[in-house]
Protein backbone atom coordinates (compact mmCIF):
# COMPACT_ATOMS: atom_id res chain seq x y z
CA MET A 1 1.55 -56.92 -3.70
CA LYS A 2 1.50 -57.77 -7.38
CA ASN A 3 -2.36 -58.34 -7.23
CA ILE A 4 -2.81 -55.05 -5.51
CA ILE A 5 -0.84 -53.25 -8.28
CA LEU A 6 -2.92 -55.01 -10.99
CA ILE A 7 -6.31 -54.14 -9.58
CA THR A 8 -5.01 -50.51 -8.97
CA LYS A 9 -3.93 -50.20 -12.40
CA ARG A 10 -7.20 -51.60 -13.80
CA GLU A 11 -9.21 -49.16 -11.60
CA TYR A 12 -7.08 -46.15 -12.58
CA LEU A 13 -7.05 -46.78 -16.21
CA THR A 14 -10.76 -47.52 -16.38
CA GLN A 15 -11.55 -43.99 -15.01
CA VAL A 16 -8.89 -41.91 -16.73
CA LYS A 17 -9.75 -43.23 -20.08
CA LYS A 18 -13.22 -42.00 -19.89
CA LYS A 19 -13.98 -38.79 -21.89
CA SER A 20 -16.04 -37.43 -18.93
CA PHE A 21 -12.81 -37.59 -16.73
CA VAL A 22 -10.89 -35.63 -19.25
CA VAL A 23 -13.42 -33.00 -19.84
CA LEU A 24 -14.11 -32.56 -16.18
CA THR A 25 -10.36 -32.43 -15.29
CA LEU A 26 -9.88 -29.70 -17.76
CA LEU A 27 -13.04 -27.74 -17.31
CA ALA A 28 -13.51 -28.18 -13.57
CA PRO A 29 -11.55 -25.02 -12.57
CA LEU A 30 -13.36 -22.84 -15.04
CA MET A 31 -16.70 -24.50 -13.86
CA MET A 32 -15.91 -23.69 -10.30
CA LEU A 33 -14.96 -20.15 -11.27
CA GLY A 34 -18.10 -19.79 -13.08
CA PHE A 35 -19.96 -21.16 -10.21
CA GLY A 36 -18.46 -18.69 -7.88
CA LEU A 37 -19.40 -15.81 -10.24
CA PHE A 38 -22.91 -17.11 -10.64
CA ILE A 39 -23.39 -17.33 -6.71
CA ALA A 40 -22.03 -13.63 -6.44
CA TYR A 41 -24.51 -12.59 -9.18
CA LEU A 42 -27.42 -14.23 -7.26
CA MET A 43 -26.55 -12.47 -4.08
CA ASN A 44 -26.39 -9.31 -6.02
CA ALA A 45 -29.56 -10.08 -8.08
CA ASN A 46 -31.74 -9.91 -5.15
CA THR A 47 -30.96 -6.21 -4.19
CA SER A 48 -33.17 -3.61 -5.16
CA SER A 49 -32.60 0.10 -5.95
CA TYR A 50 -34.95 2.70 -4.31
CA LYS A 51 -35.83 6.31 -5.16
CA LEU A 52 -36.60 8.21 -1.97
CA ASP A 53 -38.14 11.55 -1.81
CA VAL A 54 -36.43 13.76 0.91
CA LEU A 55 -38.54 16.40 2.77
CA ASP A 56 -35.91 18.12 5.03
CA LYS A 57 -37.69 20.52 7.33
CA SER A 58 -34.51 20.86 9.33
CA GLY A 59 -32.13 22.15 6.62
CA LEU A 60 -29.57 20.09 8.01
CA PHE A 61 -29.45 17.31 5.39
CA ASP A 62 -29.78 19.38 2.26
CA GLY A 63 -27.39 17.84 -0.35
CA LYS A 64 -25.42 15.73 2.39
CA LEU A 65 -27.18 12.50 1.72
CA LYS A 66 -25.34 10.72 -1.09
CA SER A 67 -27.14 8.70 -3.75
CA ASP A 68 -25.58 5.33 -4.85
CA GLU A 69 -26.65 2.32 -6.80
CA ASN A 70 -28.89 1.09 -3.86
CA VAL A 71 -30.65 4.50 -2.86
CA GLN A 72 -31.31 7.46 -4.88
CA PHE A 73 -32.23 10.56 -2.90
CA VAL A 74 -34.49 13.31 -4.40
CA TYR A 75 -34.79 16.58 -2.47
CA LEU A 76 -38.31 18.13 -2.65
CA SER A 77 -40.17 20.92 -0.88
CA PRO A 78 -41.56 19.99 2.50
CA ASN A 79 -44.86 21.60 1.62
CA SER A 80 -45.48 18.80 -0.99
CA GLU A 81 -45.86 16.20 1.78
CA LYS A 82 -49.54 15.59 1.53
CA GLN A 83 -49.52 15.25 -2.30
CA LEU A 84 -46.52 12.89 -2.21
CA VAL A 85 -48.23 10.60 0.45
CA GLN A 86 -51.33 10.47 -1.59
CA LEU A 87 -49.35 9.55 -4.55
CA MET A 88 -47.78 6.82 -2.73
CA LYS A 89 -51.03 5.39 -1.66
CA ASP A 90 -52.09 5.31 -5.22
CA LYS A 91 -48.97 3.51 -6.28
CA LYS A 92 -47.94 6.35 -8.50
CA GLY A 93 -45.09 7.96 -6.43
CA ASP A 94 -41.66 7.03 -5.65
CA ASP A 95 -40.48 4.10 -3.51
CA GLY A 96 -40.34 6.07 -0.31
CA ILE A 97 -40.63 9.43 1.39
CA LEU A 98 -37.95 10.54 3.91
CA ILE A 99 -39.57 13.17 6.23
CA ILE A 100 -37.17 15.02 8.53
CA PRO A 101 -38.76 17.40 11.02
CA ALA A 102 -37.55 20.81 12.11
CA LEU A 103 -34.60 20.96 14.60
CA GLU A 104 -35.73 22.59 17.69
CA ASN A 105 -33.21 23.90 20.28
CA SER A 106 -30.50 21.32 18.99
CA ASP A 107 -32.63 18.49 20.17
CA TYR A 108 -31.16 15.82 18.12
CA LYS A 109 -32.99 13.00 20.09
CA LYS A 110 -36.45 14.51 19.24
CA LEU A 111 -35.35 14.79 15.57
CA GLU A 112 -34.32 11.25 15.57
CA ALA A 113 -37.60 10.21 17.10
CA GLU A 114 -39.75 12.05 14.73
CA THR A 115 -37.98 11.26 11.48
CA ARG A 116 -40.09 8.92 9.36
CA LEU A 117 -39.54 6.90 6.18
CA LEU A 118 -42.83 6.28 4.50
CA VAL A 119 -42.85 3.12 2.08
CA SER A 120 -45.50 1.43 0.13
CA GLU A 121 -43.63 -1.91 0.06
CA THR A 122 -41.10 -3.89 2.28
CA MET A 123 -37.61 -2.18 2.06
CA ASP A 124 -34.51 -4.42 2.07
CA LYS A 125 -32.22 -4.16 5.13
CA THR A 126 -29.34 -2.92 3.07
CA ALA A 127 -31.03 0.12 1.84
CA LYS A 128 -32.51 0.85 5.25
CA LYS A 129 -29.09 0.56 6.88
CA ASN A 130 -27.71 2.81 4.15
CA VAL A 131 -30.13 5.51 4.92
CA SER A 132 -29.79 5.26 8.69
CA ASP A 133 -26.06 5.43 8.51
CA GLN A 134 -25.98 8.44 6.49
CA LEU A 135 -28.42 10.24 8.69
CA SER A 136 -26.40 9.17 11.71
CA GLU A 137 -23.21 10.55 10.07
CA VAL A 138 -24.61 14.05 9.18
CA ILE A 139 -25.91 14.41 12.76
CA LYS A 140 -22.60 13.37 14.12
CA LYS A 141 -20.75 15.99 11.99
CA GLU A 142 -23.16 18.65 13.17
CA LYS A 143 -22.62 17.85 16.79
CA ILE A 144 -18.92 17.95 16.20
CA LYS A 145 -19.17 21.18 14.50
CA LYS A 146 -21.02 22.62 17.60
CA LEU A 147 -17.78 21.91 19.44
CA GLY A 148 -15.92 24.33 17.07
CA LEU A 149 -14.01 21.77 14.91
CA GLN A 150 -13.16 22.12 11.39
CA GLU A 151 -14.07 19.55 8.58
CA ALA A 152 -10.39 18.42 8.29
CA GLN A 153 -10.34 17.85 12.07
CA ILE A 154 -13.45 15.82 11.98
CA GLU A 155 -11.84 13.78 9.18
CA GLU A 156 -8.86 13.14 11.24
CA LEU A 157 -10.84 12.09 14.12
CA ASN A 158 -12.78 9.53 11.98
CA ALA A 159 -9.45 8.17 10.47
CA SER A 160 -8.88 4.48 11.57
CA PHE A 161 -5.77 3.41 13.13
CA ASP A 162 -3.72 1.26 10.83
CA LEU A 163 -1.84 -1.31 13.13
CA LYS A 164 1.07 -2.95 11.52
CA ILE A 165 2.08 -6.47 12.81
CA GLN A 166 5.72 -7.64 12.73
CA ASN A 167 6.55 -11.30 13.16
CA VAL A 168 9.91 -11.48 15.10
CA VAL A 169 10.45 -15.09 14.40
CA ASP A 170 9.87 -14.76 10.47
CA GLU A 171 10.96 -11.31 9.52
CA ASN A 172 10.01 -11.86 5.89
CA ALA A 173 6.44 -12.76 6.69
CA GLU A 174 4.20 -10.11 5.32
CA ASP A 175 0.97 -8.98 7.06
CA SER A 176 -1.68 -7.20 4.93
CA ASP A 177 -5.37 -7.29 4.20
CA THR A 178 -4.73 -8.61 0.70
CA ILE A 179 -2.38 -11.38 1.90
CA PHE A 180 -4.76 -12.34 4.73
CA GLY A 181 -7.71 -12.40 2.43
CA VAL A 182 -5.80 -14.63 -0.23
CA LYS A 183 -4.80 -16.92 2.63
CA SER A 184 -8.42 -17.24 3.74
CA VAL A 185 -9.70 -17.93 0.20
CA LEU A 186 -7.11 -20.51 -0.42
CA ALA A 187 -7.70 -22.20 2.99
CA MET A 188 -11.42 -22.32 2.27
CA LEU A 189 -10.78 -23.85 -1.29
CA LEU A 190 -8.40 -26.49 0.10
CA MET A 191 -10.78 -27.34 2.85
CA TYR A 192 -13.78 -27.52 0.66
CA ALA A 193 -12.03 -29.49 -2.07
CA THR A 194 -10.76 -32.11 0.48
CA PHE A 195 -14.20 -32.39 2.03
CA MET A 196 -15.92 -32.85 -1.30
CA PHE A 197 -13.47 -35.20 -2.88
CA ILE A 198 -13.12 -37.49 -0.15
CA ILE A 199 -16.86 -37.88 -0.01
CA ILE A 200 -17.35 -38.14 -3.90
CA TYR A 201 -14.41 -40.60 -4.34
CA GLY A 202 -15.37 -42.52 -1.10
CA VAL A 203 -18.92 -43.07 -2.40
CA ARG A 204 -17.67 -43.97 -5.75
CA VAL A 205 -15.61 -46.77 -4.01
CA MET A 206 -18.74 -47.94 -1.99
CA ARG A 207 -20.68 -48.14 -4.99
CA SER A 208 -18.17 -49.91 -7.08
CA VAL A 209 -17.95 -52.47 -4.34
CA LEU A 210 -21.68 -52.75 -4.06
CA GLU A 211 -22.21 -53.14 -7.70
CA GLU A 212 -19.67 -55.94 -8.12
CA LYS A 213 -21.19 -57.68 -5.14
CA ASN A 214 -24.85 -57.51 -6.69
CA ASN A 215 -23.58 -58.66 -10.01
CA ARG A 216 -21.78 -61.57 -8.36
CA VAL A 217 -18.62 -60.60 -10.27
CA VAL A 218 -16.66 -60.45 -6.97
CA GLU A 219 -17.09 -64.30 -6.55
CA ILE A 220 -15.02 -64.77 -9.69
CA ILE A 221 -12.53 -62.04 -8.61
CA ILE A 222 -11.70 -63.27 -5.02
CA SER A 223 -11.04 -66.78 -6.50
CA SER A 224 -7.86 -65.44 -8.02
CA VAL A 225 -7.07 -62.41 -5.40
CA LYS A 226 -7.73 -62.06 -1.57
CA PRO A 227 -10.51 -59.82 -0.39
CA PHE A 228 -8.07 -57.59 1.10
CA GLU A 229 -6.17 -57.21 -2.00
CA LEU A 230 -9.28 -56.26 -3.96
CA MET A 231 -10.23 -53.70 -1.44
CA LEU A 232 -6.81 -52.04 -1.34
CA GLY A 233 -6.61 -52.06 -5.18
CA LYS A 234 -9.93 -50.29 -5.59
CA ILE A 235 -8.86 -47.75 -2.93
CA PHE A 236 -5.50 -47.06 -4.45
CA GLY A 237 -6.85 -46.90 -7.98
CA VAL A 238 -9.45 -44.33 -7.14
CA THR A 239 -6.78 -42.46 -5.04
CA LEU A 240 -4.64 -42.17 -8.10
CA VAL A 241 -7.53 -40.78 -10.22
CA ALA A 242 -8.18 -38.05 -7.60
CA LEU A 243 -4.33 -37.37 -7.40
CA THR A 244 -4.12 -36.94 -11.25
CA GLN A 245 -6.92 -34.37 -11.21
CA PHE A 246 -5.29 -32.46 -8.40
CA VAL A 247 -1.82 -32.31 -10.09
CA VAL A 248 -3.63 -30.88 -13.21
CA TRP A 249 -5.57 -28.36 -11.31
CA ILE A 250 -2.52 -27.23 -9.26
CA ALA A 251 -0.55 -26.90 -12.38
CA MET A 252 -3.27 -24.76 -14.00
CA SER A 253 -3.66 -22.53 -10.71
CA VAL A 254 0.13 -21.87 -10.50
CA GLY A 255 0.30 -21.17 -14.28
CA GLY A 256 -2.72 -18.72 -14.04
CA ALA A 257 -1.16 -17.03 -11.03
CA LEU A 258 2.26 -16.64 -12.89
CA PHE A 259 0.40 -15.14 -15.93
CA PHE A 260 -1.56 -12.73 -14.21
CA ASN A 261 1.40 -11.66 -11.98
CA THR A 262 3.41 -10.93 -15.11
CA GLY A 263 0.75 -9.35 -17.07
CA PHE A 264 -0.61 -6.90 -14.30
CA SER A 265 2.38 -6.36 -12.23
CA LYS A 266 3.20 -3.18 -14.22
CA MET A 267 -0.30 -1.94 -13.08
CA SER A 268 0.36 -2.26 -9.23
CA THR A 269 0.31 1.19 -7.77
CA SER A 270 -0.02 2.73 -4.56
CA PRO A 271 -3.63 3.63 -3.25
CA VAL A 272 -3.25 7.34 -3.95
CA GLU A 273 -2.29 6.74 -7.60
CA THR A 274 -5.03 4.16 -8.09
CA SER A 275 -7.75 6.55 -7.03
CA GLY A 276 -7.35 8.39 -10.50
CA MET A 277 -7.14 5.52 -12.53
CA PRO A 278 -9.53 4.14 -15.04
CA MET A 279 -11.61 1.05 -13.96
CA SER A 280 -9.54 -1.30 -16.09
CA GLN A 281 -6.31 -0.32 -14.55
CA ASN A 282 -7.87 -0.45 -10.99
CA ILE A 283 -8.99 -3.96 -11.99
CA GLY A 284 -5.45 -4.76 -13.32
CA SER A 285 -3.77 -3.46 -10.19
CA MET A 286 -6.01 -5.60 -7.88
CA ILE A 287 -5.36 -8.67 -9.89
CA GLY A 288 -1.58 -7.92 -9.81
CA GLU A 289 -1.70 -7.57 -5.83
CA VAL A 290 -3.61 -10.93 -5.55
CA SER A 291 -1.42 -12.79 -7.70
CA HIS A 292 1.68 -11.32 -6.01
CA ALA A 293 0.16 -12.48 -2.80
CA LEU A 294 -0.39 -15.95 -4.00
CA LEU A 295 3.09 -16.20 -5.30
CA SER A 296 4.46 -15.07 -1.97
CA LEU A 297 2.99 -18.33 -0.14
CA ASN A 298 5.17 -21.32 0.54
CA TYR A 299 3.60 -23.48 -2.02
CA PRO A 300 5.86 -26.43 -1.91
CA LEU A 301 4.71 -26.95 1.87
CA ILE A 302 1.11 -25.97 1.15
CA ILE A 303 1.09 -28.50 -1.82
CA GLY A 304 2.90 -31.27 0.01
CA VAL A 305 0.82 -31.00 3.11
CA PHE A 306 -2.38 -30.88 0.90
CA ILE A 307 -1.59 -33.91 -0.99
CA LEU A 308 -0.49 -35.93 1.91
CA PHE A 309 -3.40 -35.15 4.19
CA PHE A 310 -5.85 -35.68 1.38
CA LEU A 311 -4.42 -38.99 0.30
CA LEU A 312 -4.33 -40.28 3.90
CA GLY A 313 -7.58 -38.83 4.66
CA TYR A 314 -9.11 -40.37 1.58
CA VAL A 315 -7.49 -43.82 2.38
CA PHE A 316 -9.07 -43.63 5.83
CA TYR A 317 -12.49 -42.81 4.80
CA SER A 318 -12.63 -44.82 1.48
CA SER A 319 -11.66 -47.89 3.73
CA MET A 320 -14.83 -47.14 5.77
CA TYR A 321 -16.91 -46.64 2.62
CA ALA A 322 -15.50 -49.83 1.13
CA ALA A 323 -16.58 -51.67 4.40
CA ILE A 324 -19.97 -50.23 4.14
CA GLY A 325 -20.48 -51.28 0.54
CA SER A 326 -19.49 -54.76 1.27
CA ALA A 327 -21.79 -55.07 4.37
CA VAL A 328 -25.09 -53.87 2.57
CA ASP A 329 -27.02 -55.16 -0.49
CA ASN A 330 -28.25 -51.93 -1.90
CA ASP A 331 -27.94 -48.14 -1.76
CA THR A 332 -30.89 -47.63 0.61
CA GLU A 333 -29.06 -49.70 3.36
CA THR A 334 -26.08 -47.66 2.99
CA GLN A 335 -27.75 -44.54 4.73
CA GLN A 336 -27.70 -46.07 8.24
CA PHE A 337 -23.81 -46.39 8.00
CA THR A 338 -22.70 -43.47 5.85
CA LEU A 339 -23.34 -40.93 8.65
CA PHE A 340 -20.28 -42.38 10.39
CA ALA A 341 -18.22 -41.05 7.71
CA VAL A 342 -19.98 -37.74 6.87
CA ILE A 343 -20.58 -36.34 10.25
CA PRO A 344 -16.78 -36.26 11.41
CA LEU A 345 -15.88 -34.56 7.96
CA MET A 346 -18.78 -32.05 8.48
CA ILE A 347 -17.43 -31.19 12.02
CA GLY A 348 -13.90 -30.71 10.69
CA MET A 349 -15.35 -28.51 7.73
CA TYR A 350 -17.70 -26.22 9.71
CA GLY A 351 -15.34 -26.07 12.64
CA SER A 352 -12.48 -25.02 10.42
CA PHE A 353 -14.40 -21.75 9.64
CA THR A 354 -13.12 -20.58 12.92
CA ILE A 355 -9.62 -20.98 11.60
CA MET A 356 -9.92 -17.94 9.49
CA ASN A 357 -10.28 -15.91 12.54
CA ASN A 358 -7.63 -17.72 14.87
CA PRO A 359 -5.59 -20.15 12.89
CA ASP A 360 -3.56 -20.96 16.11
CA GLY A 361 -6.60 -21.35 18.47
CA PRO A 362 -7.31 -24.24 20.53
CA LEU A 363 -10.18 -25.54 18.39
CA ALA A 364 -8.11 -25.25 15.29
CA PHE A 365 -5.36 -27.04 16.88
CA TRP A 366 -7.44 -30.08 17.99
CA LEU A 367 -9.26 -30.28 14.80
CA SER A 368 -6.09 -30.55 12.93
CA ILE A 369 -4.75 -33.14 15.34
CA VAL A 370 -7.53 -35.68 15.73
CA PRO A 371 -7.51 -38.08 12.72
CA PHE A 372 -11.14 -37.85 12.04
CA THR A 373 -10.96 -34.22 11.20
CA SER A 374 -7.32 -33.44 10.47
CA PRO A 375 -7.52 -34.12 6.79
CA VAL A 376 -9.93 -31.19 6.36
CA ALA A 377 -8.60 -28.79 9.29
CA MET A 378 -5.06 -29.10 8.59
CA VAL A 379 -5.29 -28.20 4.92
CA ALA A 380 -7.25 -25.19 6.00
CA ARG A 381 -4.73 -23.98 8.59
CA ILE A 382 -1.60 -24.70 6.38
CA PRO A 383 -1.69 -21.41 4.22
CA PHE A 384 -1.60 -19.37 7.64
CA GLY A 385 1.53 -21.23 8.70
CA VAL A 386 1.60 -24.29 11.00
CA PRO A 387 4.55 -25.43 13.24
CA ILE A 388 6.39 -28.34 11.88
CA TRP A 389 5.89 -30.32 15.18
CA GLN A 390 2.17 -30.12 14.79
CA ILE A 391 2.20 -31.16 11.22
CA LEU A 392 4.26 -34.35 11.95
CA LEU A 393 2.09 -35.07 15.04
CA SER A 394 -0.91 -34.92 13.15
CA LEU A 395 0.53 -37.00 10.25
CA VAL A 396 1.83 -39.83 12.80
CA LEU A 397 -1.66 -39.92 14.42
CA LEU A 398 -3.40 -40.12 10.95
CA VAL A 399 -1.15 -42.76 9.69
CA CYS A 400 -1.90 -44.87 12.72
CA ALA A 401 -5.53 -44.30 12.30
CA VAL A 402 -5.39 -45.14 8.57
CA LEU A 403 -3.71 -48.47 9.23
CA PHE A 404 -6.31 -49.23 12.01
CA MET A 405 -9.27 -48.42 9.79
CA VAL A 406 -7.70 -50.58 6.73
CA PHE A 407 -7.39 -53.45 9.29
CA VAL A 408 -10.92 -53.17 10.59
CA ALA A 409 -12.43 -52.52 7.09
CA SER A 410 -10.58 -55.55 5.68
CA LYS A 411 -12.30 -57.65 8.56
CA ILE A 412 -15.74 -56.58 7.51
CA TYR A 413 -14.93 -56.75 3.75
CA ARG A 414 -13.67 -60.33 3.64
CA ILE A 415 -16.90 -61.67 5.06
CA GLY A 416 -19.45 -59.03 3.98
CA ILE A 417 -18.68 -59.30 0.38
CA LEU A 418 -20.00 -62.68 0.09
CA MET A 419 -23.07 -62.04 2.17
CA TYR A 420 -26.33 -61.91 0.21
CA GLY A 421 -29.95 -61.24 1.25
CA ASN A 422 -29.05 -60.67 4.94
CA LYS A 423 -29.36 -57.03 6.32
CA ALA A 424 -26.12 -56.49 8.29
CA SER A 425 -26.64 -55.10 11.90
CA PHE A 426 -24.10 -53.30 14.10
CA LYS A 427 -23.94 -56.59 16.20
CA GLU A 428 -23.30 -58.69 13.13
CA ILE A 429 -20.59 -56.40 12.05
CA TRP A 430 -18.88 -56.42 15.48
CA LYS A 431 -18.87 -60.22 15.03
CA TRP A 432 -17.14 -60.08 11.69
CA ILE A 433 -14.50 -57.65 13.19
CA ARG A 434 -13.74 -60.07 15.96
CA THR A 435 -13.44 -63.19 13.63
CA LYS A 436 -9.86 -64.22 13.09
């Protein structure tokens, strides 16, 4: 045990004393936020704005098509159709011409069939749906008016039903779109962080083992310590590095939530009051609601489950990576074995996207119980609430799987770490495992 502690200390201090570790630990949350904003910008950057000339021969749509950032409507005389079409052909006109025929005998189907949108270039799907939805809404209101209903009655018919859910087991449990959205985002962040860090730090262990093997440094090291102690020391050292980063990030996140909740809580208002507010106050109100939703979660349970499952999942997969690093001679040869570590994690991550829709569904349950996927799936479920017996069952199975994987990895490590110039096959690795 003393040797394991010494190796763990060496691996840990070697990593945390690097300037790159300090910089990344402090700046990573800001970099992740910036990356998310950049992705959002890229998604919006690919949208275009269109100016459409409206030739309404029916008279039904005059002033009823609303312009926005995506589509701008310009109403022109229907008699200018030929000139506008020619300008468009010459690439001198607007982006499109919406030609609406005359309405005959209230035949809305014929109106729809003969309505045309002329364009000179491909129009994006969002703008097309925008135009189509507005046309449909106007026709819908006209049909309802034919039935003798007033505008207020039409709005009442279109009003959605706000269904409130009450939890009879936990009366303090809140159910709102804001809280559900916060839980979904938090679940995705925890899931993605677990997935990425298990792979990143697992590969770091594998390359560290491979580097010492190729440099023949390991021959000197194992003259003083057992291969099993060396493997566990490396795994625990890198585990503490990851845990240090997580503690710093959790503290920064909770501190940020407290700051925003205090700073913007006074701006939180009802939806009616918000509608007349300036944009800055609307943003402040939204931030206040989100931070309040964040602080309403059971953080001790979420953080505790996250750390436990991350640590156990990391030890499970890093043992596998350490065994892979000891069994090969170069990075190229690792490709045939790393899939055994990556594929289960990918199944857990992509399967966990269904958790956002139904956290208590059968797929969510089994993904969070099976040890190969539970480190990722359980942390995705925990913001939504998981029964204690399921958490304990998953932990027991994961601990058993970790002990088994460490045992198997140590069998491979103690022989593979001293094998040079011999490409390990699955048959040979199986022999190493069976060797007493």
